[in-house]
Amino acid sequence: MIPESDPRIPRGIATIDPGRVEVHFDGACEPPKGGGVATFGFVVDGAGLYHEDGGLAVRPHVPHATNNVAEYVAAIRALEWLRDQRYRGAVLMIGDSQLVVRQMEGEYRVRAEHLVAYHQWLERLTKEFSQVEFRWVPREENQHADALSKHALAEAVGDARRHRPATPVIALDEDEVEDAEAPKED
């Protein structure tokens, strides 16, 4: 028998919209500016679905193994997983990367050439769902996805060190560092 009133359960408040999936996504890279190991992590929750995953974002020791690429790959992998589950409803993409979120909202231009293909693929994926909204949160509110990307990084770094190329890879510098303060020019 269900009690009529349980004071511990607030009435009329739902934490997750049952018709919407929330995705927390994050990326990690060592070293952060690139040329090392880049990993991703994401958590999907809602509409009867739950999944978490993490792994390498790109091959280790390539110039585009950067934190921004890892963030994009996390969002891409999450939407690909949802697509593979045949989910086509509303999605709230939550991440602590201002660059990815602002670029997907159209507030920032994609100026770094190596990010263009990732941005375009993510835009194409969003069209496969009834609605996709991107929301920036501070790192503290994205801890689970952050932990998954860091766990993947810890697992991958040791193996990547054993297979490091003989000649060092030059990381991307100026093109990689987007001017986070600069709004999109019209």
N, C-alpha and C. Protein backbone atom coordinates (compact mmCIF):
# COMPACT_ATOMS: atom_id res chain seq x y z
N MET A 1 0.84 -1.18 0.00
CA MET A 1 0.00 0.00 0.00
C MET A 1 0.89 1.25 0.00
N ILE A 2 0.57 2.21 -0.83
CA ILE A 2 1.32 3.45 -0.94
C ILE A 2 0.74 4.45 0.04
N PRO A 3 1.60 5.02 0.91
CA PRO A 3 1.08 6.03 1.84
C PRO A 3 0.61 7.26 1.08
N GLU A 4 -0.43 7.90 1.61
CA GLU A 4 -0.99 9.09 0.97
C GLU A 4 0.01 10.23 0.90
N SER A 5 0.76 10.42 1.95
CA SER A 5 1.68 11.53 1.97
C SER A 5 2.97 11.11 2.65
N ASP A 6 4.06 11.27 1.95
CA ASP A 6 5.37 10.99 2.51
C ASP A 6 6.11 12.32 2.55
N PRO A 7 6.36 12.89 3.75
CA PRO A 7 6.98 14.21 3.83
C PRO A 7 8.40 14.27 3.28
N ARG A 8 9.03 13.11 3.06
CA ARG A 8 10.38 13.11 2.52
C ARG A 8 10.41 13.32 1.02
N ILE A 9 9.29 13.14 0.35
CA ILE A 9 9.24 13.25 -1.11
C ILE A 9 8.48 14.52 -1.49
N PRO A 10 9.18 15.51 -2.04
CA PRO A 10 8.47 16.73 -2.45
C PRO A 10 7.51 16.43 -3.59
N ARG A 11 6.36 16.97 -3.55
CA ARG A 11 5.35 16.75 -4.58
C ARG A 11 5.51 17.76 -5.71
N GLY A 12 5.31 17.32 -6.93
CA GLY A 12 5.32 18.22 -8.08
C GLY A 12 6.69 18.61 -8.57
N ILE A 13 7.76 17.95 -8.08
CA ILE A 13 9.11 18.28 -8.50
C ILE A 13 9.71 17.06 -9.18
N ALA A 14 10.17 17.22 -10.38
CA ALA A 14 10.84 16.13 -11.09
C ALA A 14 12.28 16.55 -11.35
N THR A 15 13.21 15.65 -11.10
CA THR A 15 14.62 15.99 -11.31
C THR A 15 15.03 15.84 -12.76
N ILE A 16 14.49 14.88 -13.46
CA ILE A 16 14.82 14.66 -14.86
C ILE A 16 13.53 14.58 -15.66
N ASP A 17 13.45 15.32 -16.72
CA ASP A 17 12.31 15.27 -17.61
C ASP A 17 12.26 13.86 -18.20
N PRO A 18 11.17 13.11 -17.98
CA PRO A 18 11.12 11.72 -18.45
C PRO A 18 11.17 11.60 -19.97
N GLY A 19 10.87 12.68 -20.68
CA GLY A 19 10.91 12.63 -22.13
C GLY A 19 12.21 13.15 -22.71
N ARG A 20 13.17 13.45 -21.87
CA ARG A 20 14.43 14.01 -22.34
C ARG A 20 15.60 13.24 -21.74
N VAL A 21 16.63 13.11 -22.52
CA VAL A 21 17.86 12.48 -22.06
C VAL A 21 18.86 13.57 -21.70
N GLU A 22 19.54 13.39 -20.59
CA GLU A 22 20.63 14.29 -20.23
C GLU A 22 21.95 13.57 -20.45
N VAL A 23 22.88 14.29 -21.08
CA VAL A 23 24.21 13.75 -21.35
C VAL A 23 25.22 14.68 -20.70
N HIS A 24 26.04 14.13 -19.82
CA HIS A 24 27.19 14.86 -19.30
C HIS A 24 28.40 14.35 -20.08
N PHE A 25 29.19 15.27 -20.65
CA PHE A 25 30.34 14.86 -21.45
C PHE A 25 31.57 15.65 -21.01
N ASP A 26 32.75 15.02 -21.18
CA ASP A 26 34.00 15.69 -20.81
C ASP A 26 35.16 15.04 -21.55
N GLY A 27 36.24 15.80 -21.68
CA GLY A 27 37.45 15.31 -22.30
C GLY A 27 38.64 15.63 -21.42
N ALA A 28 39.71 14.88 -21.62
CA ALA A 28 40.96 15.11 -20.89
C ALA A 28 42.11 14.92 -21.86
N CYS A 29 43.21 15.60 -21.59
CA CYS A 29 44.38 15.48 -22.46
C CYS A 29 45.64 15.73 -21.66
N GLU A 30 46.65 14.95 -21.97
CA GLU A 30 47.96 15.11 -21.32
C GLU A 30 49.04 15.08 -22.38
N PRO A 31 49.76 16.14 -22.65
CA PRO A 31 49.62 17.48 -22.08
C PRO A 31 48.39 18.18 -22.66
N PRO A 32 47.85 19.15 -21.94
CA PRO A 32 46.59 19.79 -22.34
C PRO A 32 46.61 20.43 -23.73
N LYS A 33 47.75 20.97 -24.17
CA LYS A 33 47.78 21.65 -25.47
C LYS A 33 47.95 20.70 -26.64
N GLY A 34 48.16 19.42 -26.38
CA GLY A 34 48.16 18.47 -27.47
C GLY A 34 49.46 17.76 -27.70
N GLY A 35 49.36 16.78 -28.62
CA GLY A 35 50.51 15.99 -28.99
C GLY A 35 50.74 14.79 -28.09
N GLY A 36 49.85 14.55 -27.15
CA GLY A 36 50.01 13.44 -26.22
C GLY A 36 48.86 12.46 -26.30
N VAL A 37 48.12 12.37 -25.21
CA VAL A 37 47.00 11.43 -25.11
C VAL A 37 45.73 12.22 -24.79
N ALA A 38 44.68 12.01 -25.59
CA ALA A 38 43.39 12.67 -25.39
C ALA A 38 42.32 11.60 -25.19
N THR A 39 41.50 11.77 -24.15
CA THR A 39 40.46 10.79 -23.84
C THR A 39 39.13 11.50 -23.62
N PHE A 40 38.06 10.70 -23.61
CA PHE A 40 36.71 11.22 -23.43
C PHE A 40 35.98 10.43 -22.36
N GLY A 41 34.91 11.02 -21.85
CA GLY A 41 34.00 10.33 -20.95
C GLY A 41 32.62 10.94 -21.11
N PHE A 42 31.58 10.12 -20.98
CA PHE A 42 30.22 10.64 -21.02
C PHE A 42 29.28 9.74 -20.23
N VAL A 43 28.19 10.36 -19.77
CA VAL A 43 27.13 9.66 -19.04
C VAL A 43 25.82 10.05 -19.68
N VAL A 44 25.02 9.06 -20.06
CA VAL A 44 23.69 9.28 -20.63
C VAL A 44 22.67 8.82 -19.58
N ASP A 45 21.67 9.65 -19.31
CA ASP A 45 20.66 9.29 -18.32
C ASP A 45 19.33 9.94 -18.69
N GLY A 46 18.27 9.13 -18.65
CA GLY A 46 16.93 9.64 -18.90
C GLY A 46 16.20 8.85 -19.95
N ALA A 47 14.87 9.01 -19.98
CA ALA A 47 13.99 8.35 -20.94
C ALA A 47 14.20 6.83 -20.93
N GLY A 48 14.46 6.28 -19.74
CA GLY A 48 14.66 4.84 -19.61
C GLY A 48 16.03 4.35 -20.05
N LEU A 49 16.94 5.25 -20.34
CA LEU A 49 18.29 4.89 -20.79
C LEU A 49 19.32 5.28 -19.75
N TYR A 50 20.35 4.46 -19.61
CA TYR A 50 21.51 4.83 -18.80
C TYR A 50 22.73 4.15 -19.41
N HIS A 51 23.78 4.94 -19.61
CA HIS A 51 25.02 4.39 -20.16
C HIS A 51 26.15 5.33 -19.81
N GLU A 52 27.30 4.77 -19.52
CA GLU A 52 28.51 5.58 -19.33
C GLU A 52 29.64 4.92 -20.09
N ASP A 53 30.54 5.76 -20.59
CA ASP A 53 31.63 5.23 -21.40
C ASP A 53 32.80 6.21 -21.35
N GLY A 54 33.96 5.71 -21.71
CA GLY A 54 35.15 6.52 -21.79
C GLY A 54 36.21 5.78 -22.59
N GLY A 55 37.16 6.51 -23.15
CA GLY A 55 38.22 5.88 -23.92
C GLY A 55 39.06 6.91 -24.64
N LEU A 56 39.88 6.42 -25.56
CA LEU A 56 40.73 7.32 -26.35
C LEU A 56 39.88 8.14 -27.31
N ALA A 57 40.17 9.43 -27.38
CA ALA A 57 39.46 10.30 -28.30
C ALA A 57 40.06 10.19 -29.71
N VAL A 58 41.37 10.15 -29.79
CA VAL A 58 42.11 10.00 -31.04
C VAL A 58 43.38 9.21 -30.75
N ARG A 59 44.09 8.82 -31.81
CA ARG A 59 45.36 8.12 -31.59
C ARG A 59 46.31 8.96 -30.76
N PRO A 60 47.03 8.35 -29.86
CA PRO A 60 48.01 9.11 -29.07
C PRO A 60 49.14 9.69 -29.95
N HIS A 61 49.68 10.79 -29.51
CA HIS A 61 50.85 11.44 -30.09
C HIS A 61 50.63 12.03 -31.48
N VAL A 62 49.38 12.33 -31.82
CA VAL A 62 49.13 13.08 -33.06
C VAL A 62 48.92 14.54 -32.66
N PRO A 63 49.24 15.48 -33.52
CA PRO A 63 49.12 16.89 -33.14
C PRO A 63 47.72 17.30 -32.68
N HIS A 64 46.68 16.69 -33.25
CA HIS A 64 45.32 17.08 -32.87
C HIS A 64 44.80 16.31 -31.66
N ALA A 65 45.66 15.63 -30.93
CA ALA A 65 45.26 15.00 -29.66
C ALA A 65 45.27 16.09 -28.60
N THR A 66 44.21 16.90 -28.59
CA THR A 66 44.11 18.05 -27.70
C THR A 66 42.89 17.93 -26.80
N ASN A 67 42.83 18.78 -25.80
CA ASN A 67 41.70 18.79 -24.89
C ASN A 67 40.40 19.16 -25.62
N ASN A 68 40.47 20.14 -26.53
CA ASN A 68 39.26 20.53 -27.26
C ASN A 68 38.74 19.41 -28.15
N VAL A 69 39.63 18.69 -28.80
CA VAL A 69 39.21 17.54 -29.61
C VAL A 69 38.58 16.48 -28.71
N ALA A 70 39.18 16.23 -27.55
CA ALA A 70 38.64 15.24 -26.62
C ALA A 70 37.22 15.63 -26.17
N GLU A 71 36.99 16.91 -25.93
CA GLU A 71 35.65 17.37 -25.53
C GLU A 71 34.65 17.13 -26.66
N TYR A 72 35.03 17.48 -27.89
CA TYR A 72 34.14 17.23 -29.03
C TYR A 72 33.85 15.74 -29.19
N VAL A 73 34.88 14.92 -29.09
CA VAL A 73 34.69 13.47 -29.27
C VAL A 73 33.75 12.93 -28.19
N ALA A 74 33.84 13.42 -26.97
CA ALA A 74 32.93 12.97 -25.91
C ALA A 74 31.47 13.23 -26.29
N ALA A 75 31.19 14.44 -26.77
CA ALA A 75 29.82 14.78 -27.18
C ALA A 75 29.39 13.94 -28.37
N ILE A 76 30.28 13.75 -29.33
CA ILE A 76 29.98 12.95 -30.52
C ILE A 76 29.68 11.51 -30.15
N ARG A 77 30.54 10.90 -29.33
CA ARG A 77 30.34 9.50 -28.94
C ARG A 77 29.02 9.31 -28.20
N ALA A 78 28.65 10.27 -27.35
CA ALA A 78 27.39 10.16 -26.62
C ALA A 78 26.20 10.18 -27.57
N LEU A 79 26.20 11.12 -28.52
CA LEU A 79 25.09 11.18 -29.48
C LEU A 79 25.08 9.97 -30.40
N GLU A 80 26.25 9.47 -30.77
CA GLU A 80 26.29 8.25 -31.59
C GLU A 80 25.70 7.07 -30.81
N TRP A 81 26.00 6.98 -29.51
CA TRP A 81 25.44 5.90 -28.70
C TRP A 81 23.91 6.01 -28.65
N LEU A 82 23.41 7.23 -28.44
CA LEU A 82 21.96 7.42 -28.42
C LEU A 82 21.34 7.05 -29.76
N ARG A 83 21.96 7.44 -30.84
CA ARG A 83 21.46 7.10 -32.18
C ARG A 83 21.43 5.58 -32.36
N ASP A 84 22.49 4.90 -31.89
CA ASP A 84 22.53 3.45 -32.01
C ASP A 84 21.44 2.76 -31.19
N GLN A 85 20.97 3.44 -30.15
CA GLN A 85 19.88 2.89 -29.34
C GLN A 85 18.52 3.21 -29.95
N ARG A 86 18.52 3.88 -31.08
CA ARG A 86 17.33 4.31 -31.80
C ARG A 86 16.53 5.37 -31.04
N TYR A 87 17.20 6.10 -30.19
CA TYR A 87 16.57 7.21 -29.49
C TYR A 87 16.61 8.43 -30.40
N ARG A 88 15.50 9.13 -30.54
CA ARG A 88 15.45 10.29 -31.41
C ARG A 88 14.82 11.51 -30.73
N GLY A 89 14.58 11.43 -29.42
CA GLY A 89 13.91 12.50 -28.69
C GLY A 89 14.82 13.66 -28.35
N ALA A 90 14.42 14.41 -27.33
CA ALA A 90 15.15 15.60 -26.89
C ALA A 90 16.37 15.20 -26.06
N VAL A 91 17.46 15.97 -26.25
CA VAL A 91 18.71 15.71 -25.55
C VAL A 91 19.25 17.01 -24.97
N LEU A 92 19.64 16.97 -23.71
CA LEU A 92 20.34 18.10 -23.09
C LEU A 92 21.79 17.69 -22.92
N MET A 93 22.68 18.36 -23.66
CA MET A 93 24.11 18.08 -23.62
C MET A 93 24.76 19.02 -22.61
N ILE A 94 25.34 18.46 -21.55
CA ILE A 94 25.89 19.24 -20.45
C ILE A 94 27.39 19.02 -20.40
N GLY A 95 28.15 20.10 -20.50
CA GLY A 95 29.60 19.98 -20.47
C GLY A 95 30.27 21.18 -19.84
N ASP A 96 31.52 20.99 -19.43
CA ASP A 96 32.26 22.10 -18.82
C ASP A 96 33.23 22.75 -19.80
N SER A 97 33.11 22.43 -21.08
CA SER A 97 33.93 23.07 -22.11
C SER A 97 33.17 24.26 -22.68
N GLN A 98 33.59 25.46 -22.27
CA GLN A 98 32.94 26.65 -22.82
C GLN A 98 33.10 26.71 -24.33
N LEU A 99 34.25 26.28 -24.82
CA LEU A 99 34.51 26.34 -26.26
C LEU A 99 33.49 25.50 -27.03
N VAL A 100 33.35 24.24 -26.68
CA VAL A 100 32.42 23.35 -27.41
C VAL A 100 30.99 23.85 -27.27
N VAL A 101 30.57 24.16 -26.05
CA VAL A 101 29.20 24.61 -25.84
C VAL A 101 28.92 25.89 -26.60
N ARG A 102 29.80 26.87 -26.51
CA ARG A 102 29.56 28.15 -27.19
C ARG A 102 29.63 27.99 -28.72
N GLN A 103 30.52 27.13 -29.21
CA GLN A 103 30.56 26.90 -30.65
C GLN A 103 29.29 26.20 -31.13
N MET A 104 28.79 25.25 -30.36
CA MET A 104 27.57 24.55 -30.77
C MET A 104 26.34 25.46 -30.66
N GLU A 105 26.38 26.42 -29.77
CA GLU A 105 25.28 27.39 -29.67
C GLU A 105 25.38 28.48 -30.74
N GLY A 106 26.51 28.53 -31.45
CA GLY A 106 26.71 29.54 -32.48
C GLY A 106 27.24 30.85 -31.94
N GLU A 107 27.59 30.88 -30.68
CA GLU A 107 28.09 32.11 -30.06
C GLU A 107 29.56 32.36 -30.45
N TYR A 108 30.34 31.28 -30.62
CA TYR A 108 31.73 31.39 -31.05
C TYR A 108 31.87 30.74 -32.42
N ARG A 109 32.73 31.33 -33.24
CA ARG A 109 33.09 30.71 -34.51
C ARG A 109 34.08 29.59 -34.25
N VAL A 110 34.15 28.63 -35.17
CA VAL A 110 35.16 27.57 -35.10
C VAL A 110 36.33 28.06 -35.93
N ARG A 111 37.34 28.55 -35.24
CA ARG A 111 38.49 29.14 -35.94
C ARG A 111 39.63 28.16 -36.12
N ALA A 112 39.77 27.22 -35.21
CA ALA A 112 40.87 26.25 -35.32
C ALA A 112 40.51 25.22 -36.39
N GLU A 113 41.33 25.18 -37.42
CA GLU A 113 41.03 24.33 -38.58
C GLU A 113 40.82 22.86 -38.20
N HIS A 114 41.60 22.36 -37.25
CA HIS A 114 41.49 20.94 -36.89
C HIS A 114 40.20 20.63 -36.12
N LEU A 115 39.45 21.64 -35.69
CA LEU A 115 38.18 21.40 -34.99
C LEU A 115 36.97 21.44 -35.92
N VAL A 116 37.15 21.95 -37.14
CA VAL A 116 36.03 22.13 -38.06
C VAL A 116 35.29 20.81 -38.32
N ALA A 117 36.01 19.75 -38.64
CA ALA A 117 35.35 18.47 -38.95
C ALA A 117 34.61 17.92 -37.74
N TYR A 118 35.16 18.07 -36.55
CA TYR A 118 34.47 17.61 -35.34
C TYR A 118 33.18 18.40 -35.12
N HIS A 119 33.27 19.70 -35.30
CA HIS A 119 32.11 20.56 -35.13
C HIS A 119 31.02 20.20 -36.15
N GLN A 120 31.41 20.02 -37.40
CA GLN A 120 30.45 19.68 -38.44
C GLN A 120 29.78 18.32 -38.16
N TRP A 121 30.56 17.35 -37.72
CA TRP A 121 29.98 16.03 -37.43
C TRP A 121 29.00 16.12 -36.27
N LEU A 122 29.36 16.86 -35.24
CA LEU A 122 28.47 17.02 -34.09
C LEU A 122 27.18 17.75 -34.51
N GLU A 123 27.31 18.76 -35.34
CA GLU A 123 26.11 19.45 -35.85
C GLU A 123 25.21 18.49 -36.63
N ARG A 124 25.80 17.65 -37.47
CA ARG A 124 25.01 16.67 -38.23
C ARG A 124 24.29 15.70 -37.30
N LEU A 125 24.99 15.25 -36.28
CA LEU A 125 24.37 14.32 -35.32
C LEU A 125 23.18 14.96 -34.60
N THR A 126 23.30 16.23 -34.25
CA THR A 126 22.20 16.88 -33.52
C THR A 126 20.91 16.90 -34.33
N LYS A 127 21.02 16.88 -35.64
CA LYS A 127 19.84 16.91 -36.51
C LYS A 127 19.06 15.58 -36.49
N GLU A 128 19.66 14.54 -35.91
CA GLU A 128 18.98 13.25 -35.84
C GLU A 128 18.07 13.13 -34.62
N PHE A 129 17.98 14.19 -33.83
CA PHE A 129 17.16 14.18 -32.62
C PHE A 129 16.13 15.29 -32.70
N SER A 130 15.02 15.14 -31.96
CA SER A 130 13.96 16.14 -32.04
C SER A 130 14.43 17.50 -31.54
N GLN A 131 15.33 17.51 -30.57
CA GLN A 131 15.89 18.76 -30.04
C GLN A 131 17.18 18.43 -29.32
N VAL A 132 18.20 19.25 -29.52
CA VAL A 132 19.45 19.12 -28.77
C VAL A 132 19.81 20.51 -28.26
N GLU A 133 19.96 20.59 -26.94
CA GLU A 133 20.35 21.84 -26.30
C GLU A 133 21.69 21.62 -25.62
N PHE A 134 22.59 22.59 -25.74
CA PHE A 134 23.89 22.52 -25.08
C PHE A 134 23.88 23.47 -23.89
N ARG A 135 24.40 23.00 -22.77
CA ARG A 135 24.47 23.82 -21.57
C ARG A 135 25.84 23.69 -20.92
N TRP A 136 26.45 24.84 -20.64
CA TRP A 136 27.73 24.85 -19.94
C TRP A 136 27.48 24.78 -18.43
N VAL A 137 28.30 23.99 -17.73
CA VAL A 137 28.28 23.94 -16.27
C VAL A 137 29.72 23.99 -15.77
N PRO A 138 29.94 24.44 -14.54
CA PRO A 138 31.29 24.39 -13.98
C PRO A 138 31.73 22.93 -13.80
N ARG A 139 33.02 22.72 -13.78
CA ARG A 139 33.59 21.37 -13.66
C ARG A 139 32.99 20.59 -12.47
N GLU A 140 32.71 21.30 -11.37
CA GLU A 140 32.17 20.63 -10.18
C GLU A 140 30.81 19.99 -10.45
N GLU A 141 30.09 20.47 -11.45
CA GLU A 141 28.78 19.91 -11.77
C GLU A 141 28.86 18.88 -12.90
N ASN A 142 30.07 18.51 -13.25
CA ASN A 142 30.28 17.55 -14.33
C ASN A 142 31.25 16.46 -13.88
N GLN A 143 31.21 16.15 -12.59
CA GLN A 143 32.22 15.28 -11.98
C GLN A 143 32.24 13.86 -12.52
N HIS A 144 31.07 13.28 -12.79
CA HIS A 144 31.06 11.89 -13.24
C HIS A 144 31.72 11.74 -14.61
N ALA A 145 31.35 12.60 -15.55
CA ALA A 145 31.97 12.55 -16.87
C ALA A 145 33.45 12.88 -16.78
N ASP A 146 33.81 13.83 -15.94
CA ASP A 146 35.20 14.19 -15.72
C ASP A 146 35.98 12.98 -15.20
N ALA A 147 35.41 12.28 -14.24
CA ALA A 147 36.08 11.10 -13.68
C ALA A 147 36.26 10.01 -14.74
N LEU A 148 35.27 9.83 -15.61
CA LEU A 148 35.39 8.83 -16.68
C LEU A 148 36.50 9.19 -17.67
N SER A 149 36.60 10.46 -18.03
CA SER A 149 37.65 10.87 -18.97
C SER A 149 39.03 10.77 -18.31
N LYS A 150 39.12 11.11 -17.04
CA LYS A 150 40.40 11.01 -16.32
C LYS A 150 40.80 9.54 -16.11
N HIS A 151 39.82 8.68 -15.85
CA HIS A 151 40.11 7.25 -15.71
C HIS A 151 40.65 6.69 -17.03
N ALA A 152 40.00 7.06 -18.13
CA ALA A 152 40.47 6.62 -19.45
C ALA A 152 41.88 7.15 -19.71
N LEU A 153 42.16 8.38 -19.28
CA LEU A 153 43.48 8.97 -19.46
C LEU A 153 44.52 8.19 -18.66
N ALA A 154 44.21 7.88 -17.43
CA ALA A 154 45.15 7.13 -16.58
C ALA A 154 45.46 5.77 -17.19
N GLU A 155 44.46 5.11 -17.76
CA GLU A 155 44.69 3.82 -18.39
C GLU A 155 45.50 3.94 -19.68
N ALA A 156 45.27 4.99 -20.43
CA ALA A 156 45.90 5.13 -21.75
C ALA A 156 47.31 5.70 -21.70
N VAL A 157 47.62 6.53 -20.71
CA VAL A 157 48.91 7.21 -20.67
C VAL A 157 50.06 6.22 -20.57
N GLY A 158 49.96 5.23 -19.71
CA GLY A 158 51.05 4.26 -19.57
C GLY A 158 51.32 3.52 -20.85
N ASP A 159 50.27 3.05 -21.50
CA ASP A 159 50.43 2.32 -22.76
C ASP A 159 50.98 3.25 -23.84
N ALA A 160 50.50 4.49 -23.87
CA ALA A 160 50.97 5.45 -24.88
C ALA A 160 52.45 5.78 -24.69
N ARG A 161 52.91 5.82 -23.45
CA ARG A 161 54.34 6.10 -23.20
C ARG A 161 55.21 4.99 -23.75
N ARG A 162 54.72 3.75 -23.64
CA ARG A 162 55.50 2.61 -24.16
C ARG A 162 55.57 2.63 -25.68
N HIS A 163 54.61 3.28 -26.32
CA HIS A 163 54.56 3.31 -27.79
C HIS A 163 54.79 4.71 -28.34
N ARG A 164 55.48 5.54 -27.58
CA ARG A 164 55.76 6.91 -28.00
C ARG A 164 56.60 6.90 -29.26
N PRO A 165 56.28 7.79 -30.22
CA PRO A 165 57.09 7.85 -31.44
C PRO A 165 58.52 8.32 -31.13
N ALA A 166 59.46 7.91 -31.99
CA ALA A 166 60.86 8.24 -31.79
C ALA A 166 61.10 9.75 -31.91
N THR A 167 60.38 10.42 -32.82
CA THR A 167 60.53 11.86 -32.95
C THR A 167 59.35 12.53 -32.26
N PRO A 168 59.60 13.61 -31.54
CA PRO A 168 58.50 14.27 -30.82
C PRO A 168 57.50 14.90 -31.78
N VAL A 169 56.26 14.91 -31.36
CA VAL A 169 55.19 15.54 -32.13
C VAL A 169 55.07 16.97 -31.64
N ILE A 170 54.96 17.90 -32.58
CA ILE A 170 54.80 19.30 -32.20
C ILE A 170 53.32 19.55 -31.98
N ALA A 171 53.01 20.00 -30.79
CA ALA A 171 51.61 20.27 -30.44
C ALA A 171 51.13 21.54 -31.12
N LEU A 172 49.82 21.65 -31.26
CA LEU A 172 49.22 22.85 -31.84
C LEU A 172 49.27 23.95 -30.80
N ASP A 173 49.67 25.13 -31.21
CA ASP A 173 49.77 26.22 -30.25
C ASP A 173 48.68 27.26 -30.49
N GLU A 174 48.98 28.20 -31.34
CA GLU A 174 48.12 29.36 -31.50
C GLU A 174 46.74 29.01 -32.04
N ASP A 175 46.64 28.09 -33.02
CA ASP A 175 45.34 27.73 -33.56
C ASP A 175 44.50 26.99 -32.54
N GLU A 176 45.14 26.25 -31.66
CA GLU A 176 44.40 25.46 -30.67
C GLU A 176 43.78 26.33 -29.60
N VAL A 177 44.49 27.39 -29.24
CA VAL A 177 44.01 28.23 -28.16
C VAL A 177 43.05 29.25 -28.74
N GLU A 178 41.77 28.97 -28.59
CA GLU A 178 40.74 29.87 -29.08
C GLU A 178 40.61 31.05 -28.12
N ASP A 179 40.29 32.19 -28.64
CA ASP A 179 40.05 33.34 -27.79
C ASP A 179 38.66 33.18 -27.16
N ALA A 180 38.62 32.63 -25.96
CA ALA A 180 37.35 32.31 -25.29
C ALA A 180 36.52 33.54 -24.99
N GLU A 181 37.10 34.71 -24.99
CA GLU A 181 36.34 35.91 -24.71
C GLU A 181 35.71 36.49 -25.98
N ALA A 182 36.24 36.13 -27.14
CA ALA A 182 35.80 36.76 -28.38
C ALA A 182 34.48 36.17 -28.87
N PRO A 183 33.43 36.98 -28.96
CA PRO A 183 32.17 36.48 -29.49
C PRO A 183 32.27 36.27 -31.00
N LYS A 184 31.35 35.51 -31.50
CA LYS A 184 31.30 35.24 -32.95
C LYS A 184 31.06 36.55 -33.70
N GLU A 185 31.82 36.71 -34.77
CA GLU A 185 31.62 37.90 -35.62
C GLU A 185 30.54 37.61 -36.62
N ASP A 186 29.68 38.60 -36.86
CA ASP A 186 28.59 38.42 -37.84
C ASP A 186 29.03 38.74 -39.23
